N, C-alpha and C. Protein backbone atom coordinates (compact mmCIF):
# COMPACT_ATOMS: atom_id res chain seq x y z
N UNK A 1 17.76 35.06 -30.33
CA UNK A 1 18.34 33.84 -29.76
C UNK A 1 17.49 33.41 -28.56
N UNK A 2 17.08 32.18 -28.57
CA UNK A 2 16.24 31.66 -27.49
C UNK A 2 17.12 31.24 -26.32
N UNK A 3 16.99 31.95 -25.20
CA UNK A 3 17.78 31.65 -24.01
C UNK A 3 17.01 30.83 -22.99
N UNK A 4 15.84 30.30 -23.40
CA UNK A 4 15.06 29.47 -22.49
C UNK A 4 15.84 28.21 -22.14
N UNK A 5 16.01 27.90 -20.85
CA UNK A 5 16.77 26.70 -20.47
C UNK A 5 16.14 25.45 -21.06
N UNK A 6 16.98 24.53 -21.51
CA UNK A 6 16.48 23.25 -22.03
C UNK A 6 15.84 22.47 -20.89
N UNK A 7 14.72 21.82 -21.16
CA UNK A 7 14.08 21.04 -20.10
C UNK A 7 14.98 19.90 -19.64
N UNK A 8 14.93 19.62 -18.34
CA UNK A 8 15.72 18.51 -17.80
C UNK A 8 15.13 17.18 -18.26
N UNK A 9 15.97 16.17 -18.49
CA UNK A 9 15.45 14.84 -18.86
C UNK A 9 14.49 14.33 -17.80
N UNK A 10 13.40 13.73 -18.25
CA UNK A 10 12.40 13.23 -17.31
C UNK A 10 12.99 12.17 -16.39
N UNK A 11 12.69 12.28 -15.10
CA UNK A 11 13.23 11.37 -14.10
C UNK A 11 12.09 10.81 -13.25
N UNK A 12 12.10 9.51 -13.03
CA UNK A 12 11.09 8.86 -12.19
C UNK A 12 11.78 8.17 -11.02
N UNK A 13 11.22 8.36 -9.83
CA UNK A 13 11.73 7.75 -8.60
C UNK A 13 10.71 6.72 -8.14
N UNK A 14 11.10 5.45 -8.17
CA UNK A 14 10.21 4.34 -7.83
C UNK A 14 10.80 3.59 -6.63
N UNK A 15 10.01 3.46 -5.57
CA UNK A 15 10.51 2.91 -4.31
C UNK A 15 9.80 1.60 -3.97
N UNK A 16 10.56 0.60 -3.61
CA UNK A 16 10.03 -0.65 -3.08
C UNK A 16 9.75 -0.43 -1.60
N UNK A 17 8.51 -0.09 -1.28
CA UNK A 17 8.15 0.26 0.09
C UNK A 17 8.11 -0.91 1.04
N UNK A 18 8.23 -2.13 0.52
CA UNK A 18 8.30 -3.30 1.38
C UNK A 18 9.74 -3.69 1.66
N UNK A 19 10.67 -2.94 1.08
CA UNK A 19 12.09 -3.19 1.30
C UNK A 19 12.75 -2.05 2.05
N UNK A 20 12.25 -0.83 1.84
CA UNK A 20 12.79 0.34 2.53
C UNK A 20 11.71 0.95 3.43
N UNK A 21 12.08 1.24 4.64
CA UNK A 21 11.15 1.83 5.60
C UNK A 21 10.86 3.29 5.26
N UNK A 22 9.67 3.74 5.64
CA UNK A 22 9.32 5.16 5.42
C UNK A 22 10.25 6.09 6.18
N UNK A 23 10.97 5.58 7.16
CA UNK A 23 11.94 6.39 7.88
C UNK A 23 13.08 6.83 6.96
N UNK A 24 13.22 6.18 5.80
CA UNK A 24 14.28 6.55 4.86
C UNK A 24 13.78 7.49 3.77
N UNK A 25 12.51 7.90 3.83
CA UNK A 25 11.89 8.67 2.74
C UNK A 25 12.64 9.97 2.45
N UNK A 26 12.94 10.75 3.48
CA UNK A 26 13.62 12.02 3.26
C UNK A 26 15.00 11.81 2.66
N UNK A 27 15.71 10.79 3.12
CA UNK A 27 17.05 10.51 2.60
C UNK A 27 16.97 10.05 1.15
N UNK A 28 15.99 9.22 0.82
CA UNK A 28 15.81 8.76 -0.56
C UNK A 28 15.54 9.94 -1.48
N UNK A 29 14.66 10.83 -1.07
CA UNK A 29 14.33 11.98 -1.91
C UNK A 29 15.55 12.88 -2.10
N UNK A 30 16.29 13.11 -1.03
CA UNK A 30 17.48 13.96 -1.13
C UNK A 30 18.50 13.36 -2.09
N UNK A 31 18.71 12.05 -2.00
CA UNK A 31 19.67 11.38 -2.87
C UNK A 31 19.21 11.42 -4.32
N UNK A 32 17.91 11.22 -4.55
CA UNK A 32 17.39 11.22 -5.92
C UNK A 32 17.52 12.58 -6.59
N UNK A 33 17.41 13.63 -5.81
CA UNK A 33 17.48 14.99 -6.37
C UNK A 33 18.87 15.35 -6.87
N UNK A 34 19.86 14.54 -6.57
CA UNK A 34 21.18 14.78 -7.14
C UNK A 34 21.18 14.51 -8.65
N UNK A 35 20.15 13.81 -9.12
CA UNK A 35 20.07 13.47 -10.54
C UNK A 35 19.01 14.30 -11.26
N UNK A 36 18.33 15.18 -10.55
CA UNK A 36 17.27 16.00 -11.13
C UNK A 36 16.05 15.98 -10.25
N UNK A 37 15.01 16.68 -10.67
CA UNK A 37 13.77 16.72 -9.89
C UNK A 37 12.87 15.57 -10.34
N UNK A 38 12.59 14.60 -9.46
CA UNK A 38 11.74 13.46 -9.85
C UNK A 38 10.31 13.93 -10.14
N UNK A 39 9.93 13.89 -11.41
CA UNK A 39 8.56 14.27 -11.77
C UNK A 39 7.56 13.21 -11.29
N UNK A 40 7.99 11.97 -11.31
CA UNK A 40 7.17 10.86 -10.80
C UNK A 40 7.84 10.35 -9.53
N UNK A 41 7.05 10.26 -8.46
CA UNK A 41 7.55 9.78 -7.16
C UNK A 41 6.53 8.78 -6.63
N UNK A 42 6.84 7.51 -6.74
CA UNK A 42 5.87 6.47 -6.36
C UNK A 42 6.52 5.48 -5.41
N UNK A 43 5.70 4.97 -4.49
CA UNK A 43 6.16 3.93 -3.58
C UNK A 43 5.16 2.79 -3.62
N UNK A 44 5.67 1.55 -3.69
CA UNK A 44 4.84 0.37 -3.93
C UNK A 44 4.87 -0.57 -2.73
N UNK A 45 3.73 -1.19 -2.46
CA UNK A 45 3.68 -2.18 -1.39
C UNK A 45 2.31 -2.24 -0.74
N UNK A 46 2.21 -3.14 0.24
CA UNK A 46 1.01 -3.22 1.05
C UNK A 46 0.76 -1.87 1.70
N UNK A 47 -0.50 -1.44 1.76
CA UNK A 47 -0.80 -0.10 2.26
C UNK A 47 -0.26 0.12 3.66
N UNK A 48 -0.31 -0.90 4.51
CA UNK A 48 0.20 -0.74 5.86
C UNK A 48 1.70 -0.48 5.87
N UNK A 49 2.41 -1.04 4.87
CA UNK A 49 3.86 -0.90 4.81
C UNK A 49 4.29 0.45 4.27
N UNK A 50 3.48 1.05 3.40
CA UNK A 50 3.91 2.28 2.72
C UNK A 50 3.29 3.55 3.27
N UNK A 51 2.33 3.42 4.17
CA UNK A 51 1.71 4.61 4.75
C UNK A 51 2.77 5.47 5.44
N UNK A 52 2.76 6.75 5.16
CA UNK A 52 3.74 7.67 5.71
C UNK A 52 4.64 8.26 4.65
N UNK A 53 4.83 7.53 3.54
CA UNK A 53 5.65 8.05 2.45
C UNK A 53 4.99 9.27 1.80
N UNK A 54 3.66 9.33 1.86
CA UNK A 54 2.95 10.46 1.24
C UNK A 54 3.32 11.78 1.91
N UNK A 55 3.76 11.73 3.16
CA UNK A 55 4.15 12.95 3.86
C UNK A 55 5.42 13.57 3.27
N UNK A 56 6.10 12.80 2.43
CA UNK A 56 7.34 13.26 1.80
C UNK A 56 7.18 13.47 0.30
N UNK A 57 5.93 13.58 -0.15
CA UNK A 57 5.68 13.89 -1.56
C UNK A 57 5.58 12.71 -2.48
N UNK A 58 5.42 11.50 -1.93
CA UNK A 58 5.30 10.31 -2.76
C UNK A 58 3.84 9.93 -3.00
N UNK A 59 3.58 9.38 -4.16
CA UNK A 59 2.26 8.82 -4.47
C UNK A 59 2.25 7.36 -4.02
N UNK A 60 1.30 7.00 -3.20
CA UNK A 60 1.19 5.62 -2.72
C UNK A 60 0.58 4.73 -3.81
N UNK A 61 1.19 3.58 -4.03
CA UNK A 61 0.70 2.62 -5.02
C UNK A 61 0.49 1.29 -4.30
N UNK A 62 -0.66 1.15 -3.60
CA UNK A 62 -0.93 -0.09 -2.87
C UNK A 62 -1.08 -1.27 -3.82
N UNK A 63 -0.66 -2.44 -3.38
CA UNK A 63 -0.74 -3.64 -4.20
C UNK A 63 -1.80 -4.58 -3.68
N UNK A 64 -2.27 -5.44 -4.57
CA UNK A 64 -3.20 -6.50 -4.17
C UNK A 64 -2.42 -7.58 -3.42
N UNK A 65 -3.11 -8.42 -2.63
CA UNK A 65 -2.41 -9.52 -1.95
C UNK A 65 -1.77 -10.45 -2.97
N UNK A 66 -0.63 -10.95 -2.65
CA UNK A 66 0.06 -11.89 -3.54
C UNK A 66 1.56 -11.79 -3.38
N UNK A 67 2.24 -12.88 -3.67
CA UNK A 67 3.69 -12.94 -3.54
C UNK A 67 4.36 -12.00 -4.54
N UNK A 68 5.29 -11.19 -4.06
CA UNK A 68 6.08 -10.28 -4.90
C UNK A 68 5.21 -9.28 -5.68
N UNK A 69 4.02 -8.97 -5.17
CA UNK A 69 3.12 -8.06 -5.88
C UNK A 69 3.74 -6.68 -6.06
N UNK A 70 4.41 -6.18 -5.02
CA UNK A 70 5.02 -4.85 -5.12
C UNK A 70 6.12 -4.82 -6.17
N UNK A 71 6.95 -5.86 -6.19
CA UNK A 71 8.04 -5.93 -7.17
C UNK A 71 7.49 -5.93 -8.59
N UNK A 72 6.45 -6.73 -8.82
CA UNK A 72 5.91 -6.85 -10.17
C UNK A 72 5.26 -5.56 -10.64
N UNK A 73 4.51 -4.89 -9.75
CA UNK A 73 3.87 -3.64 -10.14
C UNK A 73 4.91 -2.57 -10.42
N UNK A 74 5.94 -2.51 -9.61
CA UNK A 74 7.00 -1.53 -9.84
C UNK A 74 7.66 -1.77 -11.20
N UNK A 75 7.94 -3.02 -11.53
CA UNK A 75 8.59 -3.33 -12.80
C UNK A 75 7.70 -2.96 -13.99
N UNK A 76 6.40 -3.27 -13.89
CA UNK A 76 5.48 -2.94 -14.98
C UNK A 76 5.43 -1.42 -15.19
N UNK A 77 5.27 -0.68 -14.11
CA UNK A 77 5.15 0.77 -14.25
C UNK A 77 6.47 1.41 -14.68
N UNK A 78 7.59 0.83 -14.27
CA UNK A 78 8.88 1.34 -14.73
C UNK A 78 9.02 1.19 -16.23
N UNK A 79 8.60 0.04 -16.76
CA UNK A 79 8.67 -0.19 -18.21
C UNK A 79 7.76 0.77 -18.97
N UNK A 80 6.58 1.02 -18.43
CA UNK A 80 5.65 1.95 -19.08
C UNK A 80 6.23 3.36 -19.10
N UNK A 81 6.77 3.80 -17.98
CA UNK A 81 7.34 5.15 -17.89
C UNK A 81 8.52 5.32 -18.85
N UNK A 82 9.35 4.30 -18.95
CA UNK A 82 10.55 4.41 -19.78
C UNK A 82 10.25 4.24 -21.26
N UNK A 83 9.45 3.24 -21.61
CA UNK A 83 9.27 2.89 -23.02
C UNK A 83 8.09 3.59 -23.68
N UNK A 84 7.07 3.95 -22.90
CA UNK A 84 5.92 4.64 -23.49
C UNK A 84 5.97 6.15 -23.24
N UNK A 85 6.34 6.52 -22.01
CA UNK A 85 6.26 7.93 -21.62
C UNK A 85 7.58 8.69 -21.79
N UNK A 86 8.63 8.00 -22.18
CA UNK A 86 9.87 8.68 -22.51
C UNK A 86 10.75 9.10 -21.36
N UNK A 87 10.59 8.53 -20.19
CA UNK A 87 11.46 8.88 -19.08
C UNK A 87 12.86 8.32 -19.35
N UNK A 88 13.86 9.20 -19.24
CA UNK A 88 15.23 8.81 -19.58
C UNK A 88 16.00 8.24 -18.39
N UNK A 89 15.58 8.62 -17.18
CA UNK A 89 16.27 8.15 -15.98
C UNK A 89 15.27 7.54 -15.01
N UNK A 90 15.58 6.35 -14.56
CA UNK A 90 14.78 5.67 -13.55
C UNK A 90 15.64 5.48 -12.30
N UNK A 91 15.13 5.95 -11.16
CA UNK A 91 15.79 5.70 -9.89
C UNK A 91 14.99 4.61 -9.18
N UNK A 92 15.60 3.46 -8.98
CA UNK A 92 14.94 2.33 -8.33
C UNK A 92 15.50 2.21 -6.92
N UNK A 93 14.68 2.52 -5.93
CA UNK A 93 15.12 2.49 -4.53
C UNK A 93 14.71 1.18 -3.89
N UNK A 94 15.66 0.29 -3.72
CA UNK A 94 15.42 -1.03 -3.13
C UNK A 94 16.77 -1.70 -2.93
N UNK A 95 16.80 -2.70 -2.06
CA UNK A 95 18.00 -3.52 -1.90
C UNK A 95 17.72 -4.96 -2.32
N UNK A 96 16.71 -5.13 -3.18
CA UNK A 96 16.25 -6.45 -3.60
C UNK A 96 16.91 -6.87 -4.90
N UNK A 97 17.52 -8.06 -4.90
CA UNK A 97 18.22 -8.56 -6.08
C UNK A 97 17.27 -8.78 -7.26
N UNK A 98 15.97 -8.93 -7.01
CA UNK A 98 15.02 -9.19 -8.10
C UNK A 98 14.96 -8.05 -9.11
N UNK A 99 15.35 -6.85 -8.73
CA UNK A 99 15.30 -5.73 -9.66
C UNK A 99 16.49 -5.71 -10.62
N UNK A 100 17.36 -6.70 -10.52
CA UNK A 100 18.47 -6.82 -11.47
C UNK A 100 17.95 -6.96 -12.89
N UNK A 101 16.88 -7.74 -13.07
CA UNK A 101 16.32 -7.95 -14.41
C UNK A 101 15.78 -6.65 -14.99
N UNK A 102 15.08 -5.89 -14.18
CA UNK A 102 14.54 -4.60 -14.62
C UNK A 102 15.66 -3.66 -15.03
N UNK A 103 16.67 -3.54 -14.17
CA UNK A 103 17.78 -2.63 -14.47
C UNK A 103 18.49 -3.03 -15.76
N UNK A 104 18.68 -4.30 -15.95
CA UNK A 104 19.37 -4.79 -17.14
C UNK A 104 18.58 -4.46 -18.41
N UNK A 105 17.28 -4.72 -18.38
CA UNK A 105 16.44 -4.47 -19.56
C UNK A 105 16.35 -2.98 -19.87
N UNK A 106 16.17 -2.15 -18.86
CA UNK A 106 16.05 -0.71 -19.09
C UNK A 106 17.37 -0.12 -19.57
N UNK A 107 18.47 -0.60 -19.02
CA UNK A 107 19.77 -0.10 -19.46
C UNK A 107 20.03 -0.47 -20.92
N UNK A 108 19.67 -1.69 -21.31
CA UNK A 108 19.84 -2.13 -22.69
C UNK A 108 18.93 -1.35 -23.64
N UNK A 109 17.83 -0.80 -23.11
CA UNK A 109 16.92 0.01 -23.92
C UNK A 109 17.40 1.46 -24.02
N UNK A 110 18.57 1.75 -23.47
CA UNK A 110 19.14 3.09 -23.57
C UNK A 110 18.77 4.02 -22.44
N UNK A 111 18.19 3.49 -21.38
CA UNK A 111 17.79 4.32 -20.25
C UNK A 111 18.87 4.31 -19.17
N UNK A 112 18.90 5.39 -18.40
CA UNK A 112 19.82 5.47 -17.28
C UNK A 112 19.11 4.92 -16.06
N UNK A 113 19.70 3.92 -15.44
CA UNK A 113 19.09 3.28 -14.27
C UNK A 113 19.98 3.53 -13.06
N UNK A 114 19.46 4.26 -12.09
CA UNK A 114 20.18 4.53 -10.85
C UNK A 114 19.57 3.66 -9.76
N UNK A 115 20.35 2.73 -9.26
CA UNK A 115 19.89 1.93 -8.12
C UNK A 115 20.20 2.68 -6.84
N UNK A 116 19.41 2.43 -5.82
CA UNK A 116 19.60 3.13 -4.55
C UNK A 116 19.16 2.19 -3.44
N UNK A 117 20.07 1.86 -2.53
CA UNK A 117 19.69 0.91 -1.49
C UNK A 117 20.67 0.93 -0.34
N UNK A 118 20.47 -0.01 0.57
CA UNK A 118 21.27 -0.10 1.77
C UNK A 118 22.62 -0.76 1.48
N UNK A 119 23.58 -0.65 2.39
CA UNK A 119 24.89 -1.27 2.16
C UNK A 119 24.80 -2.77 1.89
N UNK A 120 23.73 -3.40 2.33
CA UNK A 120 23.57 -4.84 2.13
C UNK A 120 23.04 -5.21 0.75
N UNK A 121 22.76 -4.23 -0.10
CA UNK A 121 22.21 -4.51 -1.43
C UNK A 121 23.14 -5.47 -2.18
N UNK A 122 22.60 -6.51 -2.82
CA UNK A 122 23.44 -7.52 -3.46
C UNK A 122 24.20 -6.99 -4.67
N UNK A 123 25.36 -7.56 -4.92
CA UNK A 123 26.20 -7.15 -6.05
C UNK A 123 25.48 -7.32 -7.38
N UNK A 124 24.60 -8.32 -7.48
CA UNK A 124 23.91 -8.58 -8.75
C UNK A 124 23.04 -7.40 -9.16
N UNK A 125 22.40 -6.72 -8.18
CA UNK A 125 21.59 -5.55 -8.50
C UNK A 125 22.48 -4.34 -8.78
N UNK A 126 23.50 -4.15 -7.97
CA UNK A 126 24.39 -3.01 -8.16
C UNK A 126 25.02 -3.02 -9.56
N UNK A 127 25.47 -4.21 -9.98
CA UNK A 127 26.23 -4.31 -11.23
C UNK A 127 25.37 -4.05 -12.47
N UNK A 128 24.07 -4.34 -12.41
CA UNK A 128 23.23 -4.16 -13.58
C UNK A 128 22.72 -2.73 -13.73
N UNK A 129 22.88 -1.89 -12.69
CA UNK A 129 22.46 -0.50 -12.79
C UNK A 129 23.53 0.33 -13.52
N UNK A 130 23.13 1.45 -14.07
CA UNK A 130 24.10 2.38 -14.64
C UNK A 130 25.01 2.90 -13.55
N UNK A 131 24.46 3.13 -12.37
CA UNK A 131 25.23 3.47 -11.18
C UNK A 131 24.37 3.16 -9.96
N UNK A 132 25.02 3.03 -8.82
CA UNK A 132 24.31 2.65 -7.60
C UNK A 132 24.70 3.59 -6.47
N UNK A 133 23.67 4.12 -5.79
CA UNK A 133 23.88 5.02 -4.66
C UNK A 133 23.59 4.26 -3.36
N UNK A 134 24.56 4.27 -2.46
CA UNK A 134 24.40 3.57 -1.18
C UNK A 134 23.82 4.52 -0.15
N UNK A 135 22.69 4.14 0.43
CA UNK A 135 22.09 4.93 1.51
C UNK A 135 22.88 4.69 2.79
N UNK A 136 22.80 5.61 3.70
CA UNK A 136 23.53 5.46 4.95
C UNK A 136 22.97 4.27 5.73
N UNK A 137 23.81 3.55 6.46
CA UNK A 137 23.32 2.44 7.27
C UNK A 137 22.30 2.94 8.29
N UNK A 138 21.35 2.11 8.68
CA UNK A 138 20.39 2.52 9.71
C UNK A 138 21.11 2.98 10.97
N UNK A 139 20.66 4.10 11.51
CA UNK A 139 21.31 4.62 12.71
C UNK A 139 21.04 3.70 13.90
N UNK A 140 22.01 3.61 14.74
CA UNK A 140 21.87 2.81 15.97
C UNK A 140 21.55 3.75 17.13
N UNK A 141 20.63 3.33 17.96
CA UNK A 141 20.26 4.16 19.10
C UNK A 141 21.50 4.48 19.93
N UNK A 142 21.62 5.72 20.43
CA UNK A 142 22.81 6.11 21.18
C UNK A 142 23.07 5.18 22.35
N UNK A 143 24.33 4.82 22.51
CA UNK A 143 24.72 3.97 23.62
C UNK A 143 26.21 4.19 23.88
N UNK A 144 26.69 3.71 24.99
CA UNK A 144 28.10 3.87 25.31
C UNK A 144 28.95 3.08 24.34
N UNK A 145 30.13 3.59 23.94
CA UNK A 145 31.02 2.85 23.04
C UNK A 145 31.34 1.48 23.61
N UNK A 146 31.36 0.46 22.72
CA UNK A 146 31.59 -0.89 23.18
C UNK A 146 32.60 -1.58 22.28
N UNK A 147 33.40 -2.47 22.81
CA UNK A 147 34.34 -3.24 22.00
C UNK A 147 33.62 -4.33 21.23
N UNK A 148 34.36 -5.06 20.41
CA UNK A 148 33.76 -6.12 19.62
C UNK A 148 33.13 -7.19 20.50
N UNK A 149 33.66 -7.36 21.68
CA UNK A 149 33.14 -8.39 22.56
C UNK A 149 31.95 -7.88 23.38
N UNK A 150 31.13 -7.02 22.76
CA UNK A 150 29.99 -6.46 23.49
C UNK A 150 29.04 -7.57 23.92
N UNK A 151 28.31 -7.33 24.98
CA UNK A 151 27.43 -8.33 25.54
C UNK A 151 26.25 -8.63 24.65
N UNK A 152 25.56 -9.76 24.90
CA UNK A 152 24.43 -10.17 24.07
C UNK A 152 23.33 -9.14 23.99
N UNK A 153 23.08 -8.40 25.07
CA UNK A 153 21.98 -7.43 25.03
C UNK A 153 22.26 -6.33 24.01
N UNK A 154 23.51 -5.86 23.93
CA UNK A 154 23.87 -4.84 22.95
C UNK A 154 23.78 -5.39 21.54
N UNK A 155 24.25 -6.59 21.33
CA UNK A 155 24.15 -7.22 20.01
C UNK A 155 22.69 -7.39 19.62
N UNK A 156 21.88 -7.79 20.55
CA UNK A 156 20.45 -7.96 20.29
C UNK A 156 19.82 -6.63 19.88
N UNK A 157 20.16 -5.57 20.58
CA UNK A 157 19.61 -4.25 20.25
C UNK A 157 19.97 -3.85 18.82
N UNK A 158 21.21 -4.08 18.45
CA UNK A 158 21.68 -3.67 17.12
C UNK A 158 20.99 -4.48 16.02
N UNK A 159 20.89 -5.78 16.21
CA UNK A 159 20.25 -6.62 15.19
C UNK A 159 18.77 -6.27 15.10
N UNK A 160 18.13 -6.09 16.22
CA UNK A 160 16.72 -5.74 16.22
C UNK A 160 16.47 -4.42 15.50
N UNK A 161 17.36 -3.44 15.69
CA UNK A 161 17.19 -2.15 15.04
C UNK A 161 17.32 -2.27 13.52
N UNK A 162 18.31 -3.03 13.05
CA UNK A 162 18.50 -3.21 11.61
C UNK A 162 17.31 -3.92 10.98
N UNK A 163 16.81 -4.96 11.63
CA UNK A 163 15.67 -5.70 11.11
C UNK A 163 14.43 -4.80 11.09
N UNK A 164 14.22 -4.03 12.15
CA UNK A 164 13.06 -3.14 12.20
C UNK A 164 13.13 -2.10 11.07
N UNK A 165 14.31 -1.58 10.76
CA UNK A 165 14.46 -0.55 9.73
C UNK A 165 14.11 -1.06 8.35
N UNK A 166 14.15 -2.37 8.14
CA UNK A 166 13.85 -2.93 6.81
C UNK A 166 12.35 -2.99 6.54
N UNK A 167 11.51 -2.73 7.56
CA UNK A 167 10.06 -2.71 7.36
C UNK A 167 9.42 -4.08 7.42
N UNK A 168 8.13 -4.14 7.10
CA UNK A 168 7.39 -5.40 7.21
C UNK A 168 7.91 -6.52 6.32
N UNK A 169 8.59 -6.18 5.23
CA UNK A 169 9.10 -7.21 4.32
C UNK A 169 10.21 -8.02 4.96
N UNK A 170 10.86 -7.46 5.97
CA UNK A 170 11.93 -8.17 6.63
C UNK A 170 13.29 -7.92 6.00
N UNK A 171 14.33 -8.35 6.70
CA UNK A 171 15.71 -8.14 6.24
C UNK A 171 16.24 -9.44 5.64
N UNK A 172 16.92 -9.39 4.48
CA UNK A 172 17.44 -10.62 3.85
C UNK A 172 18.45 -11.30 4.77
N UNK A 173 18.22 -12.57 5.07
CA UNK A 173 19.13 -13.29 5.95
C UNK A 173 20.54 -13.35 5.38
N UNK A 174 20.64 -13.48 4.05
CA UNK A 174 21.96 -13.59 3.42
C UNK A 174 22.77 -12.31 3.56
N UNK A 175 22.10 -11.18 3.80
CA UNK A 175 22.78 -9.90 3.91
C UNK A 175 23.03 -9.48 5.36
N UNK A 176 22.51 -10.25 6.30
CA UNK A 176 22.63 -9.83 7.71
C UNK A 176 24.07 -9.86 8.18
N UNK A 177 24.81 -10.89 7.79
CA UNK A 177 26.21 -10.99 8.21
C UNK A 177 27.03 -9.78 7.80
N UNK A 178 27.07 -9.42 6.48
CA UNK A 178 27.83 -8.24 6.06
C UNK A 178 27.37 -6.96 6.74
N UNK A 179 26.04 -6.82 6.92
CA UNK A 179 25.52 -5.60 7.54
C UNK A 179 25.99 -5.47 8.99
N UNK A 180 25.99 -6.57 9.72
CA UNK A 180 26.39 -6.50 11.12
C UNK A 180 27.90 -6.43 11.30
N UNK A 181 28.65 -6.98 10.34
CA UNK A 181 30.10 -6.87 10.42
C UNK A 181 30.55 -5.42 10.37
N UNK A 182 29.78 -4.59 9.63
CA UNK A 182 30.10 -3.17 9.58
C UNK A 182 29.97 -2.50 10.94
N UNK A 183 29.26 -3.17 11.84
CA UNK A 183 29.10 -2.63 13.19
C UNK A 183 29.95 -3.41 14.19
N UNK A 184 30.90 -4.18 13.66
CA UNK A 184 31.84 -4.88 14.53
C UNK A 184 31.33 -6.17 15.12
N UNK A 185 30.25 -6.72 14.57
CA UNK A 185 29.67 -7.95 15.10
C UNK A 185 29.96 -9.10 14.15
N UNK A 186 30.63 -10.13 14.64
CA UNK A 186 30.94 -11.32 13.85
C UNK A 186 30.22 -12.51 14.47
N UNK A 187 29.35 -13.11 13.71
CA UNK A 187 28.53 -14.20 14.25
C UNK A 187 29.38 -15.40 14.64
N UNK A 188 30.56 -15.55 14.00
CA UNK A 188 31.43 -16.68 14.33
C UNK A 188 31.96 -16.60 15.75
N UNK A 189 31.89 -15.41 16.34
CA UNK A 189 32.38 -15.23 17.70
C UNK A 189 31.31 -15.53 18.75
N UNK A 190 30.11 -15.92 18.30
CA UNK A 190 29.03 -16.26 19.23
C UNK A 190 28.93 -17.78 19.39
N UNK A 191 28.28 -18.26 20.43
CA UNK A 191 28.14 -19.71 20.61
C UNK A 191 27.36 -20.38 19.47
N UNK A 192 26.42 -19.64 18.84
CA UNK A 192 25.58 -20.26 17.80
C UNK A 192 26.33 -20.43 16.47
N UNK A 193 27.29 -19.57 16.18
CA UNK A 193 28.16 -19.65 14.99
C UNK A 193 27.50 -19.29 13.67
N UNK A 194 26.18 -19.25 13.59
CA UNK A 194 25.50 -18.87 12.35
C UNK A 194 24.34 -17.94 12.69
N UNK A 195 23.96 -17.08 11.73
CA UNK A 195 22.88 -16.13 12.00
C UNK A 195 21.54 -16.82 12.17
N UNK A 196 21.26 -17.85 11.37
CA UNK A 196 19.97 -18.53 11.52
C UNK A 196 19.86 -19.15 12.91
N UNK A 197 20.93 -19.78 13.36
CA UNK A 197 20.90 -20.39 14.70
C UNK A 197 20.74 -19.33 15.78
N UNK A 198 21.42 -18.20 15.61
CA UNK A 198 21.33 -17.12 16.61
C UNK A 198 19.92 -16.55 16.66
N UNK A 199 19.32 -16.33 15.50
CA UNK A 199 17.97 -15.74 15.44
C UNK A 199 16.91 -16.71 15.98
N UNK A 200 17.00 -17.97 15.55
CA UNK A 200 15.99 -18.94 15.99
C UNK A 200 16.12 -19.26 17.47
N UNK A 201 17.26 -18.96 18.06
CA UNK A 201 17.43 -19.14 19.50
C UNK A 201 16.72 -18.04 20.29
N UNK A 202 16.15 -17.07 19.56
CA UNK A 202 15.43 -15.95 20.19
C UNK A 202 14.04 -15.84 19.56
N UNK A 203 13.23 -16.87 19.69
CA UNK A 203 11.92 -16.90 19.03
C UNK A 203 10.94 -15.86 19.54
N UNK A 204 11.21 -15.31 20.71
CA UNK A 204 10.32 -14.26 21.25
C UNK A 204 10.61 -12.90 20.61
N UNK A 205 11.69 -12.82 19.80
CA UNK A 205 12.07 -11.54 19.18
C UNK A 205 11.99 -11.61 17.65
N UNK A 206 12.46 -12.72 17.06
CA UNK A 206 12.59 -12.81 15.61
C UNK A 206 11.78 -13.96 15.01
N UNK A 207 11.37 -13.77 13.77
CA UNK A 207 10.71 -14.81 12.98
C UNK A 207 11.46 -14.95 11.67
N UNK A 208 11.93 -16.14 11.34
CA UNK A 208 12.70 -16.37 10.12
C UNK A 208 11.89 -17.16 9.09
N UNK A 209 12.08 -16.80 7.81
CA UNK A 209 11.51 -17.60 6.72
C UNK A 209 12.20 -18.96 6.67
N UNK A 210 11.57 -19.95 6.03
CA UNK A 210 12.26 -21.23 5.81
C UNK A 210 13.56 -21.00 5.03
N UNK A 211 14.47 -21.96 5.12
CA UNK A 211 15.76 -21.83 4.45
C UNK A 211 15.59 -21.64 2.94
N UNK A 212 16.43 -20.80 2.36
CA UNK A 212 16.38 -20.51 0.93
C UNK A 212 17.11 -19.22 0.64
N UNK A 213 17.49 -18.98 -0.62
CA UNK A 213 18.28 -17.78 -0.96
C UNK A 213 17.54 -16.47 -0.71
N UNK A 214 16.20 -16.50 -0.69
CA UNK A 214 15.44 -15.26 -0.49
C UNK A 214 14.88 -15.13 0.92
N UNK A 215 15.32 -16.00 1.82
CA UNK A 215 14.80 -16.01 3.20
C UNK A 215 15.06 -14.67 3.89
N UNK A 216 14.10 -14.24 4.69
CA UNK A 216 14.19 -12.97 5.42
C UNK A 216 13.88 -13.20 6.90
N UNK A 217 14.29 -12.25 7.70
CA UNK A 217 13.98 -12.27 9.13
C UNK A 217 13.18 -11.01 9.46
N UNK A 218 12.18 -11.18 10.34
CA UNK A 218 11.33 -10.08 10.78
C UNK A 218 11.25 -10.07 12.29
N UNK A 219 10.82 -8.96 12.82
CA UNK A 219 10.54 -8.90 14.25
C UNK A 219 9.21 -9.58 14.52
N UNK A 220 9.16 -10.30 15.62
CA UNK A 220 7.91 -10.94 15.98
C UNK A 220 6.89 -9.88 16.37
N UNK A 221 5.68 -10.02 15.84
CA UNK A 221 4.63 -9.02 16.12
C UNK A 221 4.28 -9.02 17.59
């Protein structure tokens, strides 16, 4: 009788390095290992954005200049791994709604798709995955406990930290409200009343994309 353990189903961990900061690398790897040992561990994006992930066992996959280059390369390689190389489980680490199409197609092809992202990840991506793992919210620098009516400097620190944690790609403007509400901050309680108005009132700190569903905010260089 052969008592050799059956091999584990092949698992690939693919990270959108322009959406998740390298500061989340250890947490991403730990979460992925709940589903098995990732034989493939790749992170995609501009080299400046993804440098540092290699220290956690990831293969860097730098992209050429171009809009959504990281997303497209990740999708192409995910399809190759699943449909040609026989990987049964794909872990897609990102909070980007654009990966909804990938998750949907791979799931329909009989593959297990595990999404992994921040609490702000859109429902459209979560729903198309076989399951979705929520990463812990970005930690806030230690400070004295404050009520909801905290002063502007504290609010500024918290928003700046969340935006910085999203990396060079920036934080989705549409997700900023829900993310900050989890920390007790309601933009309606500020004089500006909207996040775009609040951010643009601080041009020395933040840079916002033009209005649109995919608009993001970044820290000013």
